[in-house]
Amino acid sequence: MHNSASFMLDLVMAECWTAGVNATTIVKVFNEAALGQMMSFKVRLPATYLRGDFEPRFSLALACKDLGLEIARATGTPMPLSALCEKEMIGQCPCWADRDASIFLTLQEERAGIQVPLPPASVIAPDHR
């Protein structure tokens, strides 16, 4: 599963590299923003999805707006993974727009027909002292 997530991240980043944005800008943004800070793993998912708490911190509606692929569309850059993500998120906005964007992961639980059991608190927020 780690390799699946890692390779998918590599593929979607490859889409970003070819979307017409200066590579230096992309590196800077990736390093300084949520992706480079591993916010999803260290903050967002532990605070929301892994606790079953979908009160909005960053709403799905805002995520849908921010994912907009205007640059890719303007330059004609194919971004199939990003487009799939956009399609999935927009499809869920009518139901979950006002919930935290991490609720989007609930869609996979529904499709798989399972509910992922929440891990123990020590796994969600390990003590890094």
C-alpha atoms as a PDB file:
ATOM      1  CA  MET A   1       0.000   0.000   0.000  1.00  0.00           C
ATOM      2  CA  HIS A   2       2.906   2.338   0.722  1.00  0.00           C
ATOM      3  CA  ASN A   3       4.284   1.818  -2.778  1.00  0.00           C
ATOM      4  CA  SER A   4       0.852   2.352  -4.299  1.00  0.00           C
ATOM      5  CA  ALA A   5       0.492   5.706  -2.524  1.00  0.00           C
ATOM      6  CA  SER A   6       4.092   6.711  -3.288  1.00  0.00           C
ATOM      7  CA  PHE A   7       3.881   5.897  -6.982  1.00  0.00           C
ATOM      8  CA  MET A   8       0.499   7.598  -7.315  1.00  0.00           C
ATOM      9  CA  LEU A   9       1.998  10.723  -5.744  1.00  0.00           C
ATOM     10  CA  ASP A  10       4.899  10.507  -8.208  1.00  0.00           C
ATOM     11  CA  LEU A  11       2.464  10.266 -11.131  1.00  0.00           C
ATOM     12  CA  VAL A  12       0.294  13.173 -10.033  1.00  0.00           C
ATOM     13  CA  MET A  13       3.396  15.295  -9.362  1.00  0.00           C
ATOM     14  CA  ALA A  14       4.543  14.470 -12.907  1.00  0.00           C
ATOM     15  CA  GLU A  15       1.271  15.986 -14.111  1.00  0.00           C
ATOM     16  CA  CYS A  16       2.067  19.124 -12.113  1.00  0.00           C
ATOM     17  CA  TRP A  17       5.564  19.408 -13.616  1.00  0.00           C
ATOM     18  CA  THR A  18       4.127  19.525 -17.130  1.00  0.00           C
ATOM     19  CA  ALA A  19       1.242  21.959 -16.494  1.00  0.00           C
ATOM     20  CA  GLY A  20       3.164  25.057 -17.539  1.00  0.00           C
ATOM     21  CA  VAL A  21       4.227  26.348 -14.122  1.00  0.00           C
ATOM     22  CA  ASN A  22       7.902  27.194 -13.588  1.00  0.00           C
ATOM     23  CA  ALA A  23       9.691  24.224 -11.946  1.00  0.00           C
ATOM     24  CA  THR A  24      11.354  26.461  -9.353  1.00  0.00           C
ATOM     25  CA  THR A  25       7.935  27.730  -8.282  1.00  0.00           C
ATOM     26  CA  ILE A  26       6.566  24.201  -8.027  1.00  0.00           C
ATOM     27  CA  VAL A  27       9.513  23.027  -5.898  1.00  0.00           C
ATOM     28  CA  LYS A  28       9.160  26.045  -3.615  1.00  0.00           C
ATOM     29  CA  VAL A  29       5.412  25.580  -3.186  1.00  0.00           C
ATOM     30  CA  PHE A  30       5.692  21.810  -2.698  1.00  0.00           C
ATOM     31  CA  ASN A  31       8.344  22.327  -0.009  1.00  0.00           C
ATOM     32  CA  GLU A  32       6.666  25.184   1.844  1.00  0.00           C
ATOM     33  CA  ALA A  33       2.994  24.208   1.627  1.00  0.00           C
ATOM     34  CA  ALA A  34       0.981  21.305   3.011  1.00  0.00           C
ATOM     35  CA  LEU A  35       2.515  18.624   0.759  1.00  0.00           C
ATOM     36  CA  GLY A  36       6.086  19.356   1.825  1.00  0.00           C
ATOM     37  CA  GLN A  37       5.081  19.624   5.457  1.00  0.00           C
ATOM     38  CA  MET A  38       3.250  16.269   5.256  1.00  0.00           C
ATOM     39  CA  MET A  39       0.146  17.984   6.653  1.00  0.00           C
ATOM     40  CA  SER A  40      -2.173  15.198   5.510  1.00  0.00           C
ATOM     41  CA  PHE A  41      -0.309  12.545   7.479  1.00  0.00           C
ATOM     42  CA  LYS A  42       0.781  14.613  10.454  1.00  0.00           C
ATOM     43  CA  VAL A  43      -2.203  16.892  11.025  1.00  0.00           C
ATOM     44  CA  ARG A  44      -5.227  16.689   8.740  1.00  0.00           C
ATOM     45  CA  LEU A  45      -5.998  12.982   8.593  1.00  0.00           C
ATOM     46  CA  PRO A  46      -5.208  12.283  12.257  1.00  0.00           C
ATOM     47  CA  ALA A  47      -7.493  15.153  13.290  1.00  0.00           C
ATOM     48  CA  THR A  48     -10.365  14.231  10.989  1.00  0.00           C
ATOM     49  CA  TYR A  49     -10.675  10.994   9.059  1.00  0.00           C
ATOM     50  CA  LEU A  50      -8.828   8.750  11.509  1.00  0.00           C
ATOM     51  CA  ARG A  51     -11.049  10.038  14.319  1.00  0.00           C
ATOM     52  CA  GLY A  52     -14.275  10.031  12.318  1.00  0.00           C
ATOM     53  CA  ASP A  53     -14.520  13.817  12.834  1.00  0.00           C
ATOM     54  CA  PHE A  54     -15.617  15.594   9.668  1.00  0.00           C
ATOM     55  CA  GLU A  55     -16.383  19.026  11.085  1.00  0.00           C
ATOM     56  CA  PRO A  56     -14.940  21.354   8.466  1.00  0.00           C
ATOM     57  CA  ARG A  57     -11.430  22.605   8.883  1.00  0.00           C
ATOM     58  CA  PHE A  58     -10.923  22.735   5.105  1.00  0.00           C
ATOM     59  CA  SER A  59     -14.280  22.027   3.498  1.00  0.00           C
ATOM     60  CA  LEU A  60     -14.812  19.739   0.537  1.00  0.00           C
ATOM     61  CA  ALA A  61     -16.397  22.685  -1.296  1.00  0.00           C
ATOM     62  CA  LEU A  62     -13.221  24.724  -0.823  1.00  0.00           C
ATOM     63  CA  ALA A  63     -11.092  21.744  -1.872  1.00  0.00           C
ATOM     64  CA  CYS A  64     -13.162  21.379  -5.061  1.00  0.00           C
ATOM     65  CA  LYS A  65     -12.626  25.045  -5.860  1.00  0.00           C
ATOM     66  CA  ASP A  66      -8.897  24.887  -5.135  1.00  0.00           C
ATOM     67  CA  LEU A  67      -8.344  21.759  -7.225  1.00  0.00           C
ATOM     68  CA  GLY A  68      -9.468  23.650 -10.330  1.00  0.00           C
ATOM     69  CA  LEU A  69      -7.352  22.646 -13.296  1.00  0.00           C
ATOM     70  CA  GLU A  70      -7.488  25.985 -15.137  1.00  0.00           C
ATOM     71  CA  ILE A  71      -3.752  26.038 -15.905  1.00  0.00           C
ATOM     72  CA  ALA A  72      -3.830  22.534 -17.346  1.00  0.00           C
ATOM     73  CA  ARG A  73      -6.906  23.317 -19.408  1.00  0.00           C
ATOM     74  CA  ALA A  74      -5.443  26.612 -20.640  1.00  0.00           C
ATOM     75  CA  THR A  75      -2.228  24.914 -21.764  1.00  0.00           C
ATOM     76  CA  GLY A  76      -3.875  21.733 -23.039  1.00  0.00           C
ATOM     77  CA  THR A  77      -1.808  19.657 -20.607  1.00  0.00           C
ATOM     78  CA  PRO A  78      -3.283  16.206 -20.019  1.00  0.00           C
ATOM     79  CA  MET A  79      -3.742  15.612 -16.286  1.00  0.00           C
ATOM     80  CA  PRO A  80      -5.852  12.440 -16.082  1.00  0.00           C
ATOM     81  CA  LEU A  81      -5.192  11.706 -12.402  1.00  0.00           C
ATOM     82  CA  SER A  82      -5.952  15.255 -11.327  1.00  0.00           C
ATOM     83  CA  ALA A  83      -9.035  15.287 -13.544  1.00  0.00           C
ATOM     84  CA  LEU A  84     -10.234  12.051 -11.955  1.00  0.00           C
ATOM     85  CA  CYS A  85      -9.732  13.535  -8.494  1.00  0.00           C
ATOM     86  CA  GLU A  86     -11.627  16.662  -9.529  1.00  0.00           C
ATOM     87  CA  LYS A  87     -14.482  14.577 -10.955  1.00  0.00           C
ATOM     88  CA  GLU A  88     -14.739  12.449  -7.809  1.00  0.00           C
ATOM     89  CA  MET A  89     -14.677  15.473  -5.511  1.00  0.00           C
ATOM     90  CA  ILE A  90     -17.220  17.460  -7.516  1.00  0.00           C
ATOM     91  CA  GLY A  91     -19.463  14.393  -7.598  1.00  0.00           C
ATOM     92  CA  GLN A  92     -19.476  14.289  -3.804  1.00  0.00           C
ATOM     93  CA  CYS A  93     -19.888  18.028  -3.184  1.00  0.00           C
ATOM     94  CA  PRO A  94     -23.702  17.940  -3.287  1.00  0.00           C
ATOM     95  CA  CYS A  95     -23.675  15.537  -0.319  1.00  0.00           C
ATOM     96  CA  TRP A  96     -20.602  16.596   1.636  1.00  0.00           C
ATOM     97  CA  ALA A  97     -19.685  20.157   0.560  1.00  0.00           C
ATOM     98  CA  ASP A  98     -19.829  21.525   4.102  1.00  0.00           C
ATOM     99  CA  ARG A  99     -17.864  18.662   5.659  1.00  0.00           C
ATOM    100  CA  ASP A 100     -14.088  18.450   5.980  1.00  0.00           C
ATOM    101  CA  ALA A 101     -12.402  17.473   2.708  1.00  0.00           C
ATOM    102  CA  SER A 102     -11.101  14.297   4.355  1.00  0.00           C
ATOM    103  CA  ILE A 103     -14.660  12.941   4.271  1.00  0.00           C
ATOM    104  CA  PHE A 104     -13.935  12.319   0.605  1.00  0.00           C
ATOM    105  CA  LEU A 105     -12.089   9.198   1.777  1.00  0.00           C
ATOM    106  CA  THR A 106     -15.409   7.863   3.079  1.00  0.00           C
ATOM    107  CA  LEU A 107     -16.413   7.366  -0.552  1.00  0.00           C
ATOM    108  CA  GLN A 108     -13.829   4.600  -0.846  1.00  0.00           C
ATOM    109  CA  GLU A 109     -15.183   2.913   2.268  1.00  0.00           C
ATOM    110  CA  GLU A 110     -18.655   2.985   0.723  1.00  0.00           C
ATOM    111  CA  ARG A 111     -17.377   1.601  -2.589  1.00  0.00           C
ATOM    112  CA  ALA A 112     -15.415  -1.145  -0.844  1.00  0.00           C
ATOM    113  CA  GLY A 113     -18.385  -1.999   1.352  1.00  0.00           C
ATOM    114  CA  ILE A 114     -16.381  -1.689   4.569  1.00  0.00           C
ATOM    115  CA  GLN A 115     -15.816   0.743   7.374  1.00  0.00           C
ATOM    116  CA  VAL A 116     -12.166   1.052   8.286  1.00  0.00           C
ATOM    117  CA  PRO A 117     -11.776   0.577  12.041  1.00  0.00           C
ATOM    118  CA  LEU A 118     -10.126   3.572  13.651  1.00  0.00           C
ATOM    119  CA  PRO A 119      -6.577   2.857  14.832  1.00  0.00           C
ATOM    120  CA  PRO A 120      -5.646   3.384  18.485  1.00  0.00           C
ATOM    121  CA  ALA A 121      -4.798   6.923  19.581  1.00  0.00           C
ATOM    122  CA  SER A 122      -1.115   5.972  19.888  1.00  0.00           C
ATOM    123  CA  VAL A 123      -1.031   5.255  16.150  1.00  0.00           C
ATOM    124  CA  ILE A 124      -3.070   8.323  15.173  1.00  0.00           C
ATOM    125  CA  ALA A 125      -0.888  10.751  17.131  1.00  0.00           C
ATOM    126  CA  PRO A 126       2.301   8.995  18.254  1.00  0.00           C
ATOM    127  CA  ASP A 127       4.389  10.621  20.923  1.00  0.00           C
ATOM    128  CA  HIS A 128       7.481  12.005  19.130  1.00  0.00           C
ATOM    129  CA  ARG A 129       9.376  13.174  22.206  1.00  0.00           C
END
